[in-house]
Amino acid sequence: MANAAAILAFVSVGSAVVFSMMIVHEVSKRGVKINFFLLRLYIIKYIDQYQKLTRKETGKVGPLYYPCVGSYIMALVFAIFYLIAR
């Protein structure tokens, strides 16, 4: 059971990274200068900027926001479950 939780945690982290990079690309297209050297530190800032920019443009949050945040939350849940089940 612990192995399944670990695998799901890694899959969730992988999908979160993919969604994060898609968000960084979208924010970059909207004119925000991206600091690739400190990207790991600023990723939450870029996700927040994506939410604000898309809400300003369309009146609702963009389609990448909730899957990205959900992937990070699921990774945390599966990691905690792995630690408990181990």
N, C-alpha and C. Protein backbone atom coordinates (compact mmCIF):
# COMPACT_ATOMS: atom_id res chain seq x y z
N MET A 1 0.82 -1.19 0.00
CA MET A 1 0.00 0.00 0.00
C MET A 1 0.87 1.26 0.00
N ALA A 2 1.97 1.21 0.73
CA ALA A 2 2.86 2.36 0.78
C ALA A 2 3.51 2.62 -0.57
N ASN A 3 3.81 1.55 -1.30
CA ASN A 3 4.42 1.73 -2.62
C ASN A 3 3.47 2.43 -3.58
N ALA A 4 2.20 2.09 -3.51
CA ALA A 4 1.20 2.74 -4.37
C ALA A 4 1.10 4.22 -4.03
N ALA A 5 1.13 4.56 -2.76
CA ALA A 5 1.07 5.96 -2.35
C ALA A 5 2.30 6.72 -2.83
N ALA A 6 3.47 6.08 -2.78
CA ALA A 6 4.69 6.73 -3.26
C ALA A 6 4.62 6.97 -4.76
N ILE A 7 4.14 5.99 -5.50
CA ILE A 7 4.02 6.14 -6.95
C ILE A 7 3.04 7.25 -7.29
N LEU A 8 1.90 7.28 -6.61
CA LEU A 8 0.92 8.34 -6.85
C LEU A 8 1.45 9.71 -6.47
N ALA A 9 2.27 9.77 -5.42
CA ALA A 9 2.88 11.05 -5.04
C ALA A 9 3.82 11.54 -6.14
N PHE A 10 4.63 10.64 -6.69
CA PHE A 10 5.55 11.03 -7.75
C PHE A 10 4.80 11.43 -9.03
N VAL A 11 3.73 10.74 -9.34
CA VAL A 11 2.92 11.10 -10.51
C VAL A 11 2.29 12.48 -10.30
N SER A 12 1.82 12.73 -9.08
CA SER A 12 1.22 14.04 -8.78
C SER A 12 2.25 15.15 -8.88
N VAL A 13 3.45 14.91 -8.39
CA VAL A 13 4.52 15.91 -8.50
C VAL A 13 4.86 16.15 -9.96
N GLY A 14 4.94 15.10 -10.74
CA GLY A 14 5.23 15.24 -12.17
C GLY A 14 4.18 16.07 -12.89
N SER A 15 2.91 15.79 -12.60
CA SER A 15 1.86 16.58 -13.26
C SER A 15 1.86 18.02 -12.76
N ALA A 16 2.19 18.23 -11.49
CA ALA A 16 2.27 19.60 -10.97
C ALA A 16 3.38 20.38 -11.66
N VAL A 17 4.50 19.73 -11.92
CA VAL A 17 5.61 20.39 -12.61
C VAL A 17 5.20 20.74 -14.04
N VAL A 18 4.51 19.83 -14.70
CA VAL A 18 4.07 20.10 -16.08
C VAL A 18 3.09 21.27 -16.11
N PHE A 19 2.11 21.26 -15.21
CA PHE A 19 1.16 22.37 -15.16
C PHE A 19 1.85 23.68 -14.79
N SER A 20 2.83 23.62 -13.90
CA SER A 20 3.56 24.83 -13.51
C SER A 20 4.32 25.43 -14.69
N MET A 21 4.95 24.57 -15.48
CA MET A 21 5.68 25.07 -16.64
C MET A 21 4.72 25.64 -17.69
N MET A 22 3.55 25.06 -17.82
CA MET A 22 2.55 25.60 -18.74
C MET A 22 2.08 26.98 -18.25
N ILE A 23 1.94 27.12 -16.94
CA ILE A 23 1.54 28.41 -16.38
C ILE A 23 2.63 29.44 -16.58
N VAL A 24 3.88 29.05 -16.37
CA VAL A 24 5.00 29.99 -16.60
C VAL A 24 5.02 30.44 -18.05
N HIS A 25 4.76 29.54 -18.97
CA HIS A 25 4.71 29.90 -20.39
C HIS A 25 3.59 30.91 -20.65
N GLU A 26 2.42 30.65 -20.09
CA GLU A 26 1.28 31.55 -20.29
C GLU A 26 1.54 32.93 -19.68
N VAL A 27 2.14 32.97 -18.51
CA VAL A 27 2.45 34.25 -17.87
C VAL A 27 3.49 35.00 -18.68
N SER A 28 4.45 34.26 -19.22
CA SER A 28 5.49 34.88 -20.04
C SER A 28 4.89 35.48 -21.31
N LYS A 29 3.92 34.80 -21.92
CA LYS A 29 3.26 35.33 -23.12
C LYS A 29 2.51 36.63 -22.83
N ARG A 30 2.11 36.82 -21.59
CA ARG A 30 1.37 38.02 -21.21
C ARG A 30 2.28 39.16 -20.79
N GLY A 31 3.58 39.02 -20.97
CA GLY A 31 4.51 40.12 -20.76
C GLY A 31 5.23 40.15 -19.43
N VAL A 32 5.05 39.14 -18.60
CA VAL A 32 5.75 39.09 -17.32
C VAL A 32 7.14 38.52 -17.55
N LYS A 33 8.15 39.21 -17.06
CA LYS A 33 9.52 38.73 -17.21
C LYS A 33 9.75 37.58 -16.23
N ILE A 34 10.23 36.46 -16.74
CA ILE A 34 10.44 35.25 -15.95
C ILE A 34 11.91 35.15 -15.56
N ASN A 35 12.16 34.92 -14.28
CA ASN A 35 13.51 34.70 -13.79
C ASN A 35 13.75 33.19 -13.73
N PHE A 36 14.39 32.65 -14.78
CA PHE A 36 14.57 31.20 -14.86
C PHE A 36 15.62 30.70 -13.87
N PHE A 37 16.52 31.57 -13.42
CA PHE A 37 17.53 31.16 -12.46
C PHE A 37 16.90 30.84 -11.10
N LEU A 38 15.90 31.63 -10.71
CA LEU A 38 15.24 31.43 -9.42
C LEU A 38 13.81 30.90 -9.60
N LEU A 39 13.58 30.13 -10.63
CA LEU A 39 12.23 29.67 -10.96
C LEU A 39 11.62 28.85 -9.84
N ARG A 40 12.40 28.00 -9.20
CA ARG A 40 11.85 27.17 -8.13
C ARG A 40 11.38 27.99 -6.95
N LEU A 41 12.01 29.11 -6.71
CA LEU A 41 11.58 29.97 -5.61
C LEU A 41 10.37 30.81 -5.97
N TYR A 42 10.25 31.18 -7.24
CA TYR A 42 9.20 32.10 -7.68
C TYR A 42 7.98 31.40 -8.30
N ILE A 43 7.93 30.08 -8.30
CA ILE A 43 6.85 29.40 -9.01
C ILE A 43 5.49 29.73 -8.39
N ILE A 44 5.42 29.86 -7.10
CA ILE A 44 4.14 30.21 -6.46
C ILE A 44 3.72 31.61 -6.86
N LYS A 45 4.70 32.50 -6.99
CA LYS A 45 4.41 33.87 -7.44
C LYS A 45 3.84 33.86 -8.85
N TYR A 46 4.40 33.05 -9.74
CA TYR A 46 3.91 32.99 -11.11
C TYR A 46 2.53 32.35 -11.19
N ILE A 47 2.26 31.36 -10.35
CA ILE A 47 0.93 30.76 -10.33
C ILE A 47 -0.09 31.78 -9.86
N ASP A 48 0.26 32.57 -8.85
CA ASP A 48 -0.63 33.64 -8.38
C ASP A 48 -0.84 34.70 -9.45
N GLN A 49 0.23 35.06 -10.15
CA GLN A 49 0.09 36.04 -11.23
C GLN A 49 -0.81 35.52 -12.34
N TYR A 50 -0.70 34.23 -12.64
CA TYR A 50 -1.56 33.62 -13.65
C TYR A 50 -3.03 33.74 -13.24
N GLN A 51 -3.29 33.44 -11.98
CA GLN A 51 -4.67 33.55 -11.50
C GLN A 51 -5.19 34.98 -11.64
N LYS A 52 -4.39 35.94 -11.24
CA LYS A 52 -4.82 37.34 -11.30
C LYS A 52 -4.97 37.83 -12.74
N LEU A 53 -4.03 37.47 -13.61
CA LEU A 53 -4.09 37.90 -15.01
C LEU A 53 -5.30 37.33 -15.73
N THR A 54 -5.55 36.03 -15.54
CA THR A 54 -6.68 35.42 -16.25
C THR A 54 -8.00 35.91 -15.68
N ARG A 55 -8.04 36.14 -14.39
CA ARG A 55 -9.28 36.67 -13.80
C ARG A 55 -9.55 38.08 -14.30
N LYS A 56 -8.49 38.86 -14.48
CA LYS A 56 -8.63 40.22 -15.00
C LYS A 56 -9.08 40.20 -16.46
N GLU A 57 -8.56 39.25 -17.25
CA GLU A 57 -8.88 39.18 -18.67
C GLU A 57 -10.28 38.63 -18.94
N THR A 58 -10.63 37.55 -18.27
CA THR A 58 -11.88 36.87 -18.61
C THR A 58 -12.94 36.91 -17.51
N GLY A 59 -12.57 37.33 -16.33
CA GLY A 59 -13.52 37.34 -15.23
C GLY A 59 -13.54 36.06 -14.43
N LYS A 60 -12.77 35.05 -14.86
CA LYS A 60 -12.66 33.81 -14.10
C LYS A 60 -11.23 33.29 -14.20
N VAL A 61 -10.92 32.36 -13.35
CA VAL A 61 -9.56 31.81 -13.28
C VAL A 61 -9.30 30.95 -14.51
N GLY A 62 -8.06 30.98 -15.01
CA GLY A 62 -7.68 30.22 -16.19
C GLY A 62 -7.75 28.71 -15.97
N PRO A 63 -7.77 27.95 -17.06
CA PRO A 63 -7.98 26.51 -16.97
C PRO A 63 -6.80 25.72 -16.39
N LEU A 64 -5.64 26.32 -16.28
CA LEU A 64 -4.48 25.60 -15.75
C LEU A 64 -4.34 25.73 -14.23
N TYR A 65 -5.03 26.68 -13.64
CA TYR A 65 -4.81 27.00 -12.23
C TYR A 65 -5.24 25.85 -11.31
N TYR A 66 -6.48 25.42 -11.41
CA TYR A 66 -6.97 24.40 -10.49
C TYR A 66 -6.30 23.04 -10.65
N PRO A 67 -6.01 22.56 -11.86
CA PRO A 67 -5.25 21.30 -11.95
C PRO A 67 -3.85 21.41 -11.35
N CYS A 68 -3.22 22.57 -11.49
CA CYS A 68 -1.89 22.76 -10.92
C CYS A 68 -1.94 22.72 -9.40
N VAL A 69 -2.81 23.50 -8.81
CA VAL A 69 -2.92 23.53 -7.36
C VAL A 69 -3.38 22.17 -6.84
N GLY A 70 -4.32 21.56 -7.52
CA GLY A 70 -4.79 20.24 -7.11
C GLY A 70 -3.69 19.18 -7.15
N SER A 71 -2.81 19.28 -8.13
CA SER A 71 -1.70 18.32 -8.23
C SER A 71 -0.74 18.47 -7.06
N TYR A 72 -0.46 19.71 -6.68
CA TYR A 72 0.41 19.93 -5.52
C TYR A 72 -0.25 19.41 -4.23
N ILE A 73 -1.54 19.64 -4.08
CA ILE A 73 -2.23 19.16 -2.89
C ILE A 73 -2.27 17.64 -2.85
N MET A 74 -2.55 17.02 -3.99
CA MET A 74 -2.58 15.56 -4.04
C MET A 74 -1.20 14.96 -3.77
N ALA A 75 -0.15 15.61 -4.24
CA ALA A 75 1.20 15.13 -3.95
C ALA A 75 1.47 15.17 -2.45
N LEU A 76 1.04 16.23 -1.81
CA LEU A 76 1.21 16.34 -0.36
C LEU A 76 0.40 15.26 0.37
N VAL A 77 -0.83 15.05 -0.04
CA VAL A 77 -1.68 14.03 0.60
C VAL A 77 -1.08 12.64 0.43
N PHE A 78 -0.64 12.30 -0.78
CA PHE A 78 -0.07 10.97 -1.00
C PHE A 78 1.26 10.81 -0.26
N ALA A 79 2.04 11.86 -0.15
CA ALA A 79 3.31 11.77 0.60
C ALA A 79 3.05 11.54 2.07
N ILE A 80 2.06 12.22 2.62
CA ILE A 80 1.71 12.00 4.03
C ILE A 80 1.17 10.59 4.23
N PHE A 81 0.33 10.15 3.30
CA PHE A 81 -0.20 8.79 3.38
C PHE A 81 0.93 7.77 3.30
N TYR A 82 1.91 8.02 2.45
CA TYR A 82 3.06 7.12 2.35
C TYR A 82 3.82 7.06 3.68
N LEU A 83 4.03 8.20 4.30
CA LEU A 83 4.76 8.22 5.56
C LEU A 83 4.00 7.49 6.67
N ILE A 84 2.69 7.61 6.65
CA ILE A 84 1.88 6.92 7.66
C ILE A 84 1.86 5.41 7.39
N ALA A 85 1.72 5.03 6.13
CA ALA A 85 1.60 3.60 5.77
C ALA A 85 2.93 2.86 5.86
N ARG A 86 4.00 3.57 5.84
CA ARG A 86 5.32 2.95 5.84
C ARG A 86 5.61 2.39 7.16
